[in-house]
Amino acid sequence: MDSPSSKVGLAALTTAAATATSHAIAMHSTKGGLTQGYSAAFVVATGLYAPRLLVTVFFVKPMRHRRPVIQRREAQI
């Protein structure tokens, strides 16, 4: 996890989990609040991942592997 985008994604998920946890703890118990926070983070992660998956499946074409062309040298006399 060295890329900046993964750090930003982790920060977004942590923020979503913390916000959902703090709101849920105010209404429920601590255990229920933590569960609600993690559930919210998974929902956010799914929402961020699903469009990428759909674009990959429907718009990215697989690369065809081509054999390298071997050029023959003519014998010089």
N, C-alpha and C. Protein backbone atom coordinates (compact mmCIF):
# COMPACT_ATOMS: atom_id res chain seq x y z
N MET A 1 0.83 -1.18 0.00
CA MET A 1 0.00 0.00 0.00
C MET A 1 0.87 1.25 0.00
N ASP A 2 1.66 1.40 -1.04
CA ASP A 2 2.55 2.54 -1.10
C ASP A 2 2.02 3.67 -1.98
N SER A 3 1.01 3.41 -2.78
CA SER A 3 0.55 4.44 -3.69
C SER A 3 -0.32 5.46 -2.96
N PRO A 4 -0.29 6.71 -3.43
CA PRO A 4 -1.10 7.75 -2.78
C PRO A 4 -2.60 7.48 -2.88
N SER A 5 -3.04 6.86 -3.98
CA SER A 5 -4.47 6.60 -4.12
C SER A 5 -4.97 5.60 -3.09
N SER A 6 -4.16 4.62 -2.74
CA SER A 6 -4.60 3.66 -1.72
C SER A 6 -4.65 4.32 -0.34
N LYS A 7 -3.76 5.28 -0.11
CA LYS A 7 -3.80 5.99 1.17
C LYS A 7 -5.03 6.87 1.27
N VAL A 8 -5.40 7.50 0.17
CA VAL A 8 -6.60 8.33 0.15
C VAL A 8 -7.84 7.46 0.32
N GLY A 9 -7.86 6.31 -0.34
CA GLY A 9 -8.99 5.39 -0.19
C GLY A 9 -9.13 4.88 1.22
N LEU A 10 -8.02 4.55 1.84
CA LEU A 10 -8.06 4.10 3.23
C LEU A 10 -8.55 5.21 4.15
N ALA A 11 -8.12 6.43 3.89
CA ALA A 11 -8.58 7.57 4.70
C ALA A 11 -10.09 7.78 4.53
N ALA A 12 -10.59 7.63 3.31
CA ALA A 12 -12.03 7.79 3.08
C ALA A 12 -12.83 6.71 3.80
N LEU A 13 -12.36 5.48 3.74
CA LEU A 13 -13.06 4.38 4.42
C LEU A 13 -13.00 4.55 5.94
N THR A 14 -11.87 5.00 6.45
CA THR A 14 -11.75 5.22 7.88
C THR A 14 -12.69 6.33 8.34
N THR A 15 -12.78 7.39 7.54
CA THR A 15 -13.68 8.49 7.88
C THR A 15 -15.14 8.04 7.87
N ALA A 16 -15.50 7.25 6.85
CA ALA A 16 -16.88 6.74 6.78
C ALA A 16 -17.19 5.84 7.97
N ALA A 17 -16.24 4.98 8.32
CA ALA A 17 -16.46 4.09 9.45
C ALA A 17 -16.55 4.87 10.77
N ALA A 18 -15.69 5.85 10.95
CA ALA A 18 -15.70 6.62 12.19
C ALA A 18 -16.98 7.44 12.33
N THR A 19 -17.42 8.03 11.22
CA THR A 19 -18.65 8.84 11.27
C THR A 19 -19.86 7.96 11.57
N ALA A 20 -19.96 6.84 10.88
CA ALA A 20 -21.09 5.94 11.12
C ALA A 20 -21.05 5.37 12.54
N THR A 21 -19.85 5.07 13.03
CA THR A 21 -19.72 4.54 14.39
C THR A 21 -20.16 5.56 15.43
N SER A 22 -19.73 6.81 15.27
CA SER A 22 -20.08 7.83 16.26
C SER A 22 -21.59 8.09 16.28
N HIS A 23 -22.22 8.07 15.11
CA HIS A 23 -23.67 8.27 15.08
C HIS A 23 -24.42 7.06 15.65
N ALA A 24 -23.91 5.86 15.37
CA ALA A 24 -24.60 4.66 15.85
C ALA A 24 -24.42 4.46 17.36
N ILE A 25 -23.26 4.84 17.89
CA ILE A 25 -23.03 4.70 19.33
C ILE A 25 -23.97 5.61 20.11
N ALA A 26 -24.29 6.76 19.53
CA ALA A 26 -25.21 7.68 20.20
C ALA A 26 -26.60 7.06 20.33
N MET A 27 -26.96 6.17 19.41
CA MET A 27 -28.30 5.57 19.43
C MET A 27 -28.32 4.16 20.00
N HIS A 28 -27.21 3.44 19.86
CA HIS A 28 -27.16 2.04 20.28
C HIS A 28 -26.00 1.83 21.24
N SER A 29 -25.67 0.57 21.46
CA SER A 29 -24.54 0.24 22.32
C SER A 29 -23.23 0.39 21.55
N THR A 30 -22.14 0.27 22.27
CA THR A 30 -20.82 0.39 21.63
C THR A 30 -20.60 -0.72 20.62
N LYS A 31 -20.99 -1.94 20.98
CA LYS A 31 -20.82 -3.07 20.08
C LYS A 31 -21.63 -2.89 18.80
N GLY A 32 -22.85 -2.46 18.93
CA GLY A 32 -23.69 -2.22 17.76
C GLY A 32 -23.19 -1.06 16.92
N GLY A 33 -22.62 -0.06 17.57
CA GLY A 33 -22.07 1.09 16.85
C GLY A 33 -20.86 0.72 16.02
N LEU A 34 -19.98 -0.10 16.61
CA LEU A 34 -18.80 -0.54 15.86
C LEU A 34 -19.19 -1.40 14.66
N THR A 35 -20.16 -2.26 14.86
CA THR A 35 -20.64 -3.10 13.76
C THR A 35 -21.22 -2.23 12.65
N GLN A 36 -21.99 -1.23 13.03
CA GLN A 36 -22.58 -0.32 12.06
C GLN A 36 -21.50 0.45 11.29
N GLY A 37 -20.45 0.86 11.98
CA GLY A 37 -19.35 1.59 11.34
C GLY A 37 -18.63 0.76 10.31
N TYR A 38 -18.31 -0.48 10.66
CA TYR A 38 -17.64 -1.36 9.71
C TYR A 38 -18.55 -1.69 8.53
N SER A 39 -19.81 -1.85 8.79
CA SER A 39 -20.77 -2.11 7.70
C SER A 39 -20.82 -0.93 6.74
N ALA A 40 -20.81 0.27 7.28
CA ALA A 40 -20.82 1.46 6.43
C ALA A 40 -19.55 1.54 5.58
N ALA A 41 -18.41 1.20 6.17
CA ALA A 41 -17.15 1.22 5.42
C ALA A 41 -17.18 0.20 4.28
N PHE A 42 -17.74 -0.96 4.52
CA PHE A 42 -17.84 -1.97 3.46
C PHE A 42 -18.78 -1.51 2.35
N VAL A 43 -19.85 -0.83 2.70
CA VAL A 43 -20.77 -0.30 1.69
C VAL A 43 -20.08 0.75 0.83
N VAL A 44 -19.32 1.63 1.48
CA VAL A 44 -18.58 2.65 0.73
C VAL A 44 -17.54 2.00 -0.17
N ALA A 45 -16.83 1.01 0.33
CA ALA A 45 -15.82 0.33 -0.48
C ALA A 45 -16.45 -0.36 -1.68
N THR A 46 -17.61 -0.97 -1.49
CA THR A 46 -18.32 -1.60 -2.59
C THR A 46 -18.76 -0.57 -3.62
N GLY A 47 -19.24 0.57 -3.14
CA GLY A 47 -19.65 1.64 -4.04
C GLY A 47 -18.50 2.20 -4.85
N LEU A 48 -17.30 2.20 -4.28
CA LEU A 48 -16.13 2.68 -5.02
C LEU A 48 -15.57 1.62 -5.96
N TYR A 49 -15.73 0.37 -5.62
CA TYR A 49 -15.15 -0.71 -6.41
C TYR A 49 -16.05 -1.13 -7.58
N ALA A 50 -17.35 -1.10 -7.40
CA ALA A 50 -18.28 -1.60 -8.41
C ALA A 50 -18.16 -0.89 -9.76
N PRO A 51 -18.09 0.44 -9.82
CA PRO A 51 -17.94 1.07 -11.14
C PRO A 51 -16.64 0.69 -11.84
N ARG A 52 -15.58 0.54 -11.08
CA ARG A 52 -14.30 0.13 -11.68
C ARG A 52 -14.40 -1.27 -12.27
N LEU A 53 -15.07 -2.14 -11.56
CA LEU A 53 -15.25 -3.50 -12.05
C LEU A 53 -16.08 -3.51 -13.33
N LEU A 54 -17.15 -2.74 -13.37
CA LEU A 54 -18.00 -2.69 -14.56
C LEU A 54 -17.25 -2.12 -15.77
N VAL A 55 -16.48 -1.08 -15.56
CA VAL A 55 -15.69 -0.51 -16.66
C VAL A 55 -14.68 -1.53 -17.16
N THR A 56 -14.04 -2.23 -16.25
CA THR A 56 -13.05 -3.23 -16.65
C THR A 56 -13.68 -4.36 -17.44
N VAL A 57 -14.82 -4.84 -16.99
CA VAL A 57 -15.47 -5.98 -17.64
C VAL A 57 -15.99 -5.61 -19.03
N PHE A 58 -16.58 -4.42 -19.16
CA PHE A 58 -17.26 -4.10 -20.41
C PHE A 58 -16.44 -3.26 -21.39
N PHE A 59 -15.40 -2.57 -20.95
CA PHE A 59 -14.71 -1.67 -21.85
C PHE A 59 -13.24 -1.99 -22.09
N VAL A 60 -12.61 -2.75 -21.24
CA VAL A 60 -11.20 -3.07 -21.41
C VAL A 60 -11.08 -4.36 -22.18
N LYS A 61 -10.38 -4.28 -23.31
CA LYS A 61 -10.20 -5.47 -24.14
C LYS A 61 -8.91 -6.17 -23.73
N PRO A 62 -8.93 -7.50 -23.73
CA PRO A 62 -7.71 -8.22 -23.37
C PRO A 62 -6.65 -8.06 -24.45
N MET A 63 -5.40 -8.05 -24.03
CA MET A 63 -4.30 -7.94 -24.99
C MET A 63 -4.07 -9.29 -25.66
N ARG A 64 -3.84 -9.23 -26.93
CA ARG A 64 -3.48 -10.46 -27.64
C ARG A 64 -1.97 -10.54 -27.71
N HIS A 65 -1.49 -11.67 -27.33
CA HIS A 65 -0.05 -11.87 -27.36
C HIS A 65 0.38 -12.20 -28.78
N ARG A 66 1.31 -11.45 -29.27
CA ARG A 66 1.82 -11.68 -30.61
C ARG A 66 3.19 -12.32 -30.51
N ARG A 67 3.44 -13.20 -31.44
CA ARG A 67 4.76 -13.81 -31.48
C ARG A 67 5.75 -12.81 -32.06
N PRO A 68 6.92 -12.79 -31.51
CA PRO A 68 7.91 -11.87 -32.08
C PRO A 68 8.31 -12.33 -33.48
N VAL A 69 8.46 -11.39 -34.36
CA VAL A 69 8.85 -11.69 -35.73
C VAL A 69 10.36 -11.84 -35.76
N ILE A 70 10.79 -13.01 -36.20
CA ILE A 70 12.22 -13.27 -36.30
C ILE A 70 12.64 -13.00 -37.73
N GLN A 71 13.52 -12.06 -37.88
CA GLN A 71 13.99 -11.72 -39.21
C GLN A 71 15.23 -12.55 -39.52
N ARG A 72 15.21 -13.15 -40.67
CA ARG A 72 16.35 -13.96 -41.09
C ARG A 72 17.32 -13.11 -41.87
N ARG A 73 18.54 -13.29 -41.56
CA ARG A 73 19.57 -12.58 -42.29
C ARG A 73 20.01 -13.42 -43.48
N GLU A 74 20.18 -12.76 -44.58
CA GLU A 74 20.66 -13.48 -45.76
C GLU A 74 22.18 -13.60 -45.65
N ALA A 75 22.63 -14.72 -46.06
CA ALA A 75 24.08 -14.96 -46.01
C ALA A 75 24.77 -14.08 -47.03
N GLN A 76 25.80 -13.39 -46.59
CA GLN A 76 26.55 -12.55 -47.52
C GLN A 76 27.72 -13.33 -48.06
N ILE A 77 27.83 -13.30 -49.35
CA ILE A 77 28.91 -14.06 -50.00
C ILE A 77 30.01 -13.12 -50.43
